[in-house]
Every structure is written in C-alpha cells, then in structure tokens.
Protein backbone atom coordinates (compact mmCIF):
# COMPACT_ATOMS: atom_id res chain seq x y z
CA MET A 1 0.00 0.00 0.00
CA GLU A 2 2.80 2.46 0.88
CA SER A 3 4.42 1.93 -2.52
CA GLU A 4 1.09 2.55 -4.26
CA LEU A 5 0.56 5.77 -2.35
CA ALA A 6 4.08 6.91 -3.18
CA LYS A 7 3.28 6.47 -6.89
CA LEU A 8 0.31 8.84 -6.83
CA GLY A 9 0.65 11.31 -9.68
CA GLU A 10 0.63 15.07 -9.21
CA ARG A 11 -2.94 15.35 -10.50
CA SER A 12 -4.19 12.72 -8.02
CA ARG A 13 -2.30 14.33 -5.16
CA ASP A 14 -3.72 17.76 -6.03
CA ILE A 15 -7.31 16.51 -6.08
CA PHE A 16 -6.78 14.52 -2.89
CA ARG A 17 -5.23 17.56 -1.18
CA HIS A 18 -8.26 19.68 -2.10
CA ILE A 19 -10.64 17.05 -0.70
CA VAL A 20 -8.77 16.88 2.62
CA GLU A 21 -8.30 20.63 2.98
CA SER A 22 -11.99 21.19 2.26
CA TYR A 23 -12.89 18.59 4.90
CA LEU A 24 -10.56 20.16 7.48
CA GLU A 25 -12.11 23.56 6.83
CA THR A 26 -15.81 22.71 6.51
CA GLY A 27 -16.31 19.09 7.57
CA ILE A 28 -18.62 18.43 4.60
CA PRO A 29 -18.08 16.16 1.54
CA VAL A 30 -16.72 17.74 -1.64
CA GLY A 31 -17.90 16.69 -5.11
CA SER A 32 -16.34 16.61 -8.55
CA ARG A 33 -18.22 19.67 -9.79
CA SER A 34 -16.99 21.74 -6.86
CA LEU A 35 -13.43 20.54 -7.43
CA SER A 36 -13.57 21.41 -11.12
CA ARG A 37 -13.97 25.07 -10.14
CA ALA A 38 -10.69 25.11 -8.22
CA PRO A 39 -8.17 27.33 -10.09
CA SER A 40 -5.35 24.78 -9.80
CA ILE A 41 -7.43 21.87 -11.16
CA ASN A 42 -7.93 22.14 -14.89
CA LEU A 43 -10.12 19.05 -15.34
CA SER A 44 -13.72 18.27 -16.18
CA PRO A 45 -16.01 16.80 -13.49
CA ALA A 46 -15.94 13.47 -15.36
CA SER A 47 -12.13 13.32 -15.26
CA ILE A 48 -12.14 14.27 -11.60
CA ARG A 49 -14.61 11.47 -10.85
CA ASN A 50 -12.19 8.99 -12.46
CA VAL A 51 -9.38 10.21 -10.21
CA MET A 52 -11.67 10.09 -7.18
CA SER A 53 -12.54 6.50 -8.03
CA ASP A 54 -8.82 5.63 -8.01
CA LEU A 55 -8.35 7.41 -4.66
CA GLU A 56 -11.33 5.53 -3.26
CA SER A 57 -9.91 2.19 -4.39
CA LEU A 58 -6.71 3.04 -2.48
CA GLY A 59 -8.77 3.62 0.67
CA LEU A 60 -7.92 7.34 0.86
CA ILE A 61 -11.45 8.73 0.43
CA PHE A 62 -15.02 7.46 0.73
CA ALA A 63 -18.59 8.53 0.01
CA PRO A 64 -20.66 8.90 3.22
CA HIS A 65 -23.77 8.01 1.21
CA THR A 66 -24.81 7.40 -2.40
CA SER A 67 -24.33 10.34 -4.80
CA ALA A 68 -22.53 12.32 -2.09
CA GLY A 69 -19.19 14.00 -2.40
CA ARG A 70 -16.09 12.47 -0.87
CA LEU A 71 -14.46 12.66 2.55
CA PRO A 72 -10.98 11.45 3.56
CA THR A 73 -10.70 8.16 5.43
CA GLU A 74 -8.46 7.75 8.47
CA LEU A 75 -5.83 6.28 6.15
CA GLY A 76 -6.26 9.30 3.91
CA LEU A 77 -5.78 11.71 6.80
CA ARG A 78 -2.71 9.80 7.92
CA PHE A 79 -1.24 9.94 4.41
CA PHE A 80 -2.04 13.66 4.17
CA VAL A 81 -0.44 14.47 7.53
CA ASP A 82 2.66 12.34 6.90
CA ALA A 83 3.30 13.06 3.23
CA LEU A 84 1.50 16.18 2.02
CA MET A 85 0.92 18.60 4.88
CA GLN A 86 3.23 21.54 5.39
CA PHE A 87 3.25 22.52 9.03
CA GLY A 88 3.14 26.25 9.66
CA GLU A 89 5.48 28.32 11.79
CA LEU A 90 4.27 30.11 14.88
CA THR A 91 4.31 33.88 14.67
CA GLU A 92 6.42 35.93 17.07
CA ALA A 93 3.21 37.09 18.76
CA GLU A 94 2.03 33.49 19.25
CA ARG A 95 5.38 32.43 20.73
CA SER A 96 5.37 35.43 23.07
CA SER A 97 1.82 34.62 24.19
CA ILE A 98 2.75 31.00 24.92
CA GLU A 99 5.88 32.04 26.83
CA ALA A 100 4.01 34.61 28.89
CA GLN A 101 1.25 32.24 29.98
CA VAL A 102 3.58 29.35 30.84
CA ALA A 103 5.90 31.77 32.65
CA ALA A 104 2.94 32.85 34.78
CA GLY A 105 2.76 29.31 36.10
CA GLN A 106 6.52 29.22 36.62
CA ASN A 107 6.38 32.40 38.73
CA GLN A 108 4.14 30.60 41.19
CA GLY A 109 6.99 28.17 41.78
CA SER A 110 5.14 24.93 41.07
CA VAL A 111 5.70 22.42 38.29
CA GLU A 112 2.02 21.48 38.55
CA THR A 113 1.07 25.11 37.95
CA VAL A 114 3.33 25.27 34.91
CA LEU A 115 1.64 22.19 33.47
CA THR A 116 -1.82 23.54 34.31
CA GLU A 117 -1.06 26.81 32.54
CA ALA A 118 0.33 24.90 29.55
CA GLY A 119 -2.86 22.85 29.37
CA ASN A 120 -5.09 25.92 29.64
CA LEU A 121 -3.05 27.62 26.95
CA LEU A 122 -3.30 24.73 24.49
CA SER A 123 -7.00 24.37 25.13
CA GLY A 124 -7.59 28.05 24.48
CA LEU A 125 -5.43 28.35 21.38
CA SER A 126 -6.67 25.15 19.75
CA ARG A 127 -10.30 25.46 20.90
CA SER A 128 -10.05 21.78 21.81
CA ALA A 129 -9.44 19.80 24.97
CA ALA A 130 -5.89 19.74 26.26
CA VAL A 131 -4.16 16.71 27.73
CA VAL A 132 -1.21 16.90 30.10
CA LEU A 133 0.23 13.68 31.45
CA ALA A 134 3.10 13.54 33.92
CA THR A 135 4.83 10.19 34.20
CA LYS A 136 7.25 8.99 36.80
CA SER A 137 10.75 9.14 35.41
CA ASP A 138 11.74 6.30 37.77
CA LEU A 139 9.17 3.82 36.42
CA LYS A 140 10.30 0.35 37.42
CA ILE A 141 9.70 -2.20 34.71
CA ARG A 142 7.53 -5.24 35.26
CA HIS A 143 7.20 -6.12 31.59
CA VAL A 144 8.54 -4.78 28.30
CA GLU A 145 7.38 -5.49 24.77
CA PHE A 146 8.82 -4.38 21.44
CA VAL A 147 6.20 -4.15 18.67
CA ARG A 148 7.71 -3.69 15.20
CA LEU A 149 5.57 -1.29 13.16
CA ASP A 150 7.70 -1.46 10.02
CA THR A 151 11.35 -2.03 9.12
CA ARG A 152 12.47 1.22 10.77
CA LYS A 153 9.84 1.88 13.46
CA CYS A 154 9.07 0.13 16.73
CA LEU A 155 6.62 0.77 19.57
CA VAL A 156 7.99 0.06 23.05
CA VAL A 157 5.32 -0.92 25.57
CA LEU A 158 6.53 -0.55 29.17
CA VAL A 159 4.45 -1.88 32.05
CA GLY A 160 5.56 -0.66 35.47
CA ASP A 161 5.42 -2.38 38.84
CA ASN A 162 2.57 -0.02 39.74
CA GLY A 163 0.55 -1.04 36.69
CA ALA A 164 1.31 2.16 34.75
CA VAL A 165 1.77 1.71 31.01
CA GLU A 166 3.98 3.85 28.79
CA ASN A 167 4.16 3.64 24.99
CA ARG A 168 7.15 5.07 23.17
CA LEU A 169 7.92 5.20 19.47
CA MET A 170 11.50 4.68 18.40
CA ASP A 171 13.47 4.44 15.18
CA LEU A 172 15.18 1.11 14.55
CA PRO A 173 18.68 0.78 13.07
CA GLU A 174 18.72 -0.95 9.70
CA ASP A 175 20.92 -3.78 10.96
CA ILE A 176 18.68 -4.91 13.84
CA PRO A 177 17.64 -8.51 12.97
CA ALA A 178 13.94 -9.35 12.95
CA ASP A 179 14.19 -11.77 15.90
CA SER A 180 16.31 -9.43 18.04
CA LEU A 181 13.24 -7.62 19.36
CA ASN A 182 11.72 -10.82 20.75
CA GLU A 183 15.05 -11.97 22.15
CA ALA A 184 15.63 -8.61 23.81
CA ALA A 185 12.15 -8.56 25.34
CA ASN A 186 12.54 -12.13 26.66
CA TYR A 187 15.95 -11.35 28.15
CA LEU A 188 14.81 -8.12 29.79
CA ASN A 189 11.66 -9.66 31.23
CA ALA A 190 13.70 -12.53 32.68
CA HIS A 191 16.65 -10.57 34.11
CA LEU A 192 15.83 -6.92 34.62
CA ARG A 193 12.40 -6.84 36.25
CA GLY A 194 11.97 -4.15 38.88
CA LYS A 195 14.59 -1.82 37.41
CA THR A 196 14.20 1.47 35.59
CA LEU A 197 15.22 1.77 31.94
CA ALA A 198 18.29 3.76 32.96
CA HIS A 199 19.35 1.13 35.50
CA ALA A 200 18.61 -1.67 33.03
CA ARG A 201 20.80 -0.05 30.40
CA ARG A 202 23.66 0.48 32.87
CA ASP A 203 23.45 -3.17 33.96
CA MET A 204 23.45 -4.35 30.35
CA GLU A 205 26.42 -2.12 29.50
CA SER A 206 28.31 -3.56 32.45
CA ALA A 207 27.41 -7.12 31.38
CA ARG A 208 28.49 -6.31 27.83
CA GLU A 209 31.90 -5.07 28.99
CA GLU A 210 32.34 -8.18 31.11
CA ALA A 211 31.47 -10.35 28.10
CA ARG A 212 33.97 -8.44 25.95
CA THR A 213 36.70 -9.06 28.52
CA GLN A 214 35.93 -12.79 28.61
CA VAL A 215 35.86 -12.97 24.81
CA ALA A 216 39.21 -11.21 24.57
CA GLU A 217 40.85 -13.48 27.16
CA LEU A 218 39.57 -16.74 25.64
CA THR A 219 40.22 -15.62 22.08
CA ASP A 220 43.83 -14.79 22.93
CA LYS A 221 44.13 -18.21 24.50
CA VAL A 222 42.92 -20.21 21.49
CA ILE A 223 44.94 -18.06 19.06
CA GLU A 224 48.10 -18.53 21.10
CA ALA A 225 47.45 -22.28 21.02
CA GLY A 226 47.41 -22.08 17.22
CA LEU A 227 43.81 -23.26 17.06
CA ALA A 228 42.33 -20.19 15.41
CA SER A 229 43.08 -16.83 13.85
CA PHE A 230 41.18 -13.67 12.99
CA GLY A 231 40.03 -13.15 9.43
CA ALA A 232 39.95 -9.71 7.83
CA ALA A 233 37.07 -7.36 8.65
CA ARG A 234 34.61 -6.81 5.77
CA ASP A 235 31.87 -4.31 5.06
CA GLY A 236 32.25 -2.63 8.42
CA GLN A 237 31.77 -5.94 10.29
CA PRO A 238 34.27 -7.04 12.97
CA PRO A 239 36.86 -9.66 12.01
CA THR A 240 35.66 -13.27 12.22
CA LEU A 241 37.35 -16.05 14.16
CA ILE A 242 38.67 -18.72 11.78
CA VAL A 243 39.20 -22.18 13.30
CA ARG A 244 42.30 -24.06 12.10
CA GLY A 245 43.04 -27.74 12.34
CA GLN A 246 39.56 -28.66 13.49
CA ALA A 247 40.30 -32.37 13.34
CA ASN A 248 43.03 -31.93 15.97
CA LEU A 249 40.54 -30.36 18.37
CA LEU A 250 39.09 -33.80 19.07
CA GLU A 251 42.43 -34.70 20.63
CA ASP A 252 42.33 -31.70 22.98
CA LEU A 253 39.00 -31.51 24.74
CA ASN A 254 40.06 -28.47 26.75
CA ALA A 255 40.88 -26.56 23.56
CA LEU A 256 37.56 -27.62 22.05
CA GLU A 257 35.76 -26.41 25.16
CA ASP A 258 37.58 -23.07 25.03
CA LEU A 259 36.69 -22.58 21.39
CA GLU A 260 33.03 -23.44 21.95
CA ARG A 261 32.94 -21.00 24.86
CA VAL A 262 34.40 -18.25 22.63
CA GLN A 263 31.68 -18.87 20.07
CA LEU A 264 28.98 -18.79 22.74
CA LEU A 265 30.40 -15.60 24.23
CA LEU A 266 30.54 -13.94 20.81
CA ALA A 267 26.87 -14.77 20.26
CA ASP A 268 26.03 -13.51 23.76
CA LEU A 269 28.00 -10.32 23.17
CA GLU A 270 26.12 -9.68 19.92
CA ARG A 271 22.82 -10.14 21.74
CA LYS A 272 23.90 -7.76 24.53
CA ASN A 273 24.94 -5.17 21.92
CA ASP A 274 21.45 -5.33 20.40
CA ILE A 275 19.74 -5.08 23.80
CA VAL A 276 21.88 -2.13 24.93
CA GLU A 277 21.09 -0.34 21.69
CA LEU A 278 17.38 -1.07 22.00
CA LEU A 279 17.35 0.12 25.62
CA GLY A 280 19.05 3.36 24.64
CA LEU A 281 16.51 3.95 21.89
CA ALA A 282 13.61 3.10 24.18
CA GLU A 283 14.87 5.47 26.89
CA THR A 284 15.13 8.41 24.48
CA GLY A 285 12.23 7.50 22.16
CA ASP A 286 9.52 10.08 21.70
CA GLY A 287 5.86 9.39 22.26
CA VAL A 288 3.67 8.82 19.20
CA ARG A 289 3.02 12.30 17.89
CA ILE A 290 -0.34 12.07 16.13
CA PHE A 291 -3.14 9.56 16.64
CA ILE A 292 -5.96 9.79 14.10
CA GLY A 293 -9.33 8.20 14.84
CA SER A 294 -9.03 4.50 15.63
CA GLU A 295 -5.22 4.75 15.88
CA ASN A 296 -5.99 6.13 19.32
CA LYS A 297 -7.72 3.31 21.24
CA LEU A 298 -8.89 5.54 24.09
CA PHE A 299 -10.83 8.04 21.98
CA SER A 300 -11.45 6.00 18.81
CA LEU A 301 -15.22 5.78 19.27
CA SER A 302 -15.58 9.55 19.40
CA GLY A 303 -13.82 10.11 16.07
CA SER A 304 -11.08 12.15 17.70
CA SER A 305 -7.46 12.89 16.93
CA VAL A 306 -4.74 13.42 19.51
CA VAL A 307 -1.57 15.47 18.95
CA LEU A 308 1.08 14.84 21.61
CA SER A 309 4.64 15.94 22.26
CA PRO A 310 6.96 14.80 25.09
CA TYR A 311 8.57 17.09 27.61
CA ARG A 312 11.77 16.28 29.51
CA ASP A 313 13.67 17.23 32.66
CA ARG A 314 17.22 18.52 33.08
CA ASP A 315 18.62 15.01 32.55
CA GLN A 316 16.68 14.74 29.27
CA SER A 317 14.61 11.97 30.82
CA LEU A 318 11.04 11.68 29.57
CA VAL A 319 8.79 13.26 32.22
CA GLY A 320 5.45 13.29 30.45
CA VAL A 321 3.48 14.39 27.40
CA LEU A 322 1.17 17.26 26.63
CA GLY A 323 -1.07 17.93 23.71
CA VAL A 324 -4.52 18.43 22.27
CA ILE A 325 -7.54 16.18 21.76
CA GLY A 326 -10.01 17.26 19.10
CA PRO A 327 -12.06 16.07 16.13
CA THR A 328 -10.24 14.34 13.28
CA ARG A 329 -10.54 17.53 11.25
CA ILE A 330 -8.52 19.66 13.67
CA ASN A 331 -6.06 22.08 12.11
CA TYR A 332 -3.01 19.81 12.23
CA GLY A 333 -0.80 22.34 10.45
CA ARG A 334 -1.37 24.88 13.23
CA ILE A 335 -1.72 22.62 16.26
CA VAL A 336 1.37 20.45 15.73
CA PRO A 337 3.92 23.31 15.89
CA MET A 338 1.96 24.87 18.77
CA VAL A 339 2.12 21.66 20.82
CA ASP A 340 5.78 21.14 19.95
CA TYR A 341 6.73 24.66 20.99
CA THR A 342 4.83 24.44 24.27
CA ALA A 343 6.46 21.09 25.12
CA LYS A 344 9.93 22.48 24.39
CA LEU A 345 9.18 25.52 26.54
CA VAL A 346 8.05 23.32 29.46
CA SER A 347 11.20 21.21 29.00
CA ARG A 348 13.37 24.36 29.23
CA ILE A 349 11.61 25.39 32.45
CA LEU A 350 12.11 21.95 33.98
CA ASP A 351 15.75 22.03 32.88
CA LYS A 352 16.28 25.20 34.92
CA GLY A 353 14.20 23.98 37.85
C-alpha cells in the first residue's frame, strides 16, 4: 500500500489535497463539480470522478452516502499528515503569548502550575481539549514489549510495577535482525524486572563489557594455542574467528571447550549489543506524535485525533506528554507546531528547575 501511495501522480495528489483541505475547513463532503472550479485543477467533473474513483480504491477517500461528495478516510488523513501537509510556523506574537502564559505558572513556583497553565493555553489556542500527562521518570519495569511497526519503526510498551503503562515510538537501526526484538524482550523480562530503563541499560552495558573481557581473554588463549586466527574485517563488520586444524581439536577436549565458549560468548555479546542499543533507543524515544481516529484506542469511538509531544527534565529523561484532543478535522498544520513549541518551553523550564 505504501508503494502505491508513493506512486500517486501530481494530479491525483492535487485533487486529494483539495478534498482533505476542504474537509478540514468545513467538515462536509466535496464533489467533482466543486473541485472542477478550483483554479489549480484544470479538469472536467468526469475526469475528476475517475481520479476520485482511483483514490477511493486506495482507501484514501469514501462517500458517506450514495451520490454524495467524498471525505478522507483515516488512512487518507494519515497519508495527508505524513506526506503532504506543510506545518506552519508560529508567529512571534504566538510564541510570546505561549511564553508569557507558561511563565505565569513558573512564577508561582510549582511544576504542577506550569503544566496547568500549559494545558489551559493549548485548550484556548486550539479550541479543543488539552491533555497533560506527567509520568514517573523512575518507572520500574515489570514487563517490556517491542512491537515492530515497520522495518524502521518500533513501539515500546513498558508496564511498570505499579501497573502504569507507557508507549514510546523509536526508530530502529537498519541492521537490527527481525528476531532481536523478541530476544531482547525475553531477556529483559527474565533478568531486569523491577529496574528502571536507565538502570537496566547500565546493567546491560556492564554485562556487555564483562562479556567483551571474557571474549578477549579466551580468544587470545585459542589463538596462542594455534587453534584459530582472525580473518579480515569486511563491510564494516568485525573480524571473524577462523578455526584451524579442526580435526586436531578432538584430541584436545580443553581446547575444544575453550573454542566453543568463545563462540557462545561472541553470540552472547552480539545479543547484549542489540539489547543495549534497544534500551538506549527506548529510553530516548519520543511518544507517538499524532493519533488519528481508531489509531488512538482511548478516543477512537468519538472520532477524535490526539496530537502529543513529550517534555523532559534537566537530565533529558522523559517526564510526560502534553497535547490536544479534538475532532479528526482539527487544524493539524497549526496545532502540531503549537504543541511542539509548548512542550519544548516546558522542557526548558524543567531544565532550569
């Protein structure tokens, strides 16, 4: 589906953009005759209907009832927000207004007041409901799950000892194997329960260094015994251990045991590298920025969208999220930069606190 959307021609994108922008502005379906009057669309209503039929087959638009115009689907809104929307910049006056109102909360000397003022501000500016969630930065993990969304995206689900649940979106490195996420989750759930992400990562880094030391000591031992040597590194990968005279190993069970232990330690070290990397990404991963309709399980039945941005403390630890809840036709182009700016401002205040 993503490849098909990427192949949309300029004419299809232009018509689709008009449909979505009309929906965001008015909330009512738009028809082919109305679109044909748009200055940038030089097509007959019949030609526009053909394009709309193609867009409908891709799941981007739909007709709310027979002979009606078209509205964007949730998939269509997601495609528009991710691929076609240009987010606006806040004016100097808008930034000053945000800073003044949040600073009013800061002057009262309470983090809670700062967050309350930020929520009131977002609610007023967006004319929608604001959401401000403060999470405990020392959440102790009871269970962790990595849910791969695509080849480069992963959702981290953290369940704390107190039952609290945090979801974080993180970018995956290209070289993370498909089964590494399950292996990492299984390892963490078995060994690191009751620890914070920061403590878990420190423990894993310590275990990784210990494994590296053991690998180095045993590798030196088998190489000195003439049982193996290092091959040349290729394509950015570390050099491989090449076993020599394997038949002779059967005569020296201790050497065979050493070599097998090296191989096991190398595999364990590779796994620890993956887990340390995943923990680092999970600790710094941002919350999901925009939920549209059913993407947001909490408000899906009300046809709402949620725009969220994280805010952090002086240690750059994730403290919470703030944002706006509104109808799916909220002004994303205006609200997204507004939420981002407010979250960054709150983060700066917490950094100085």
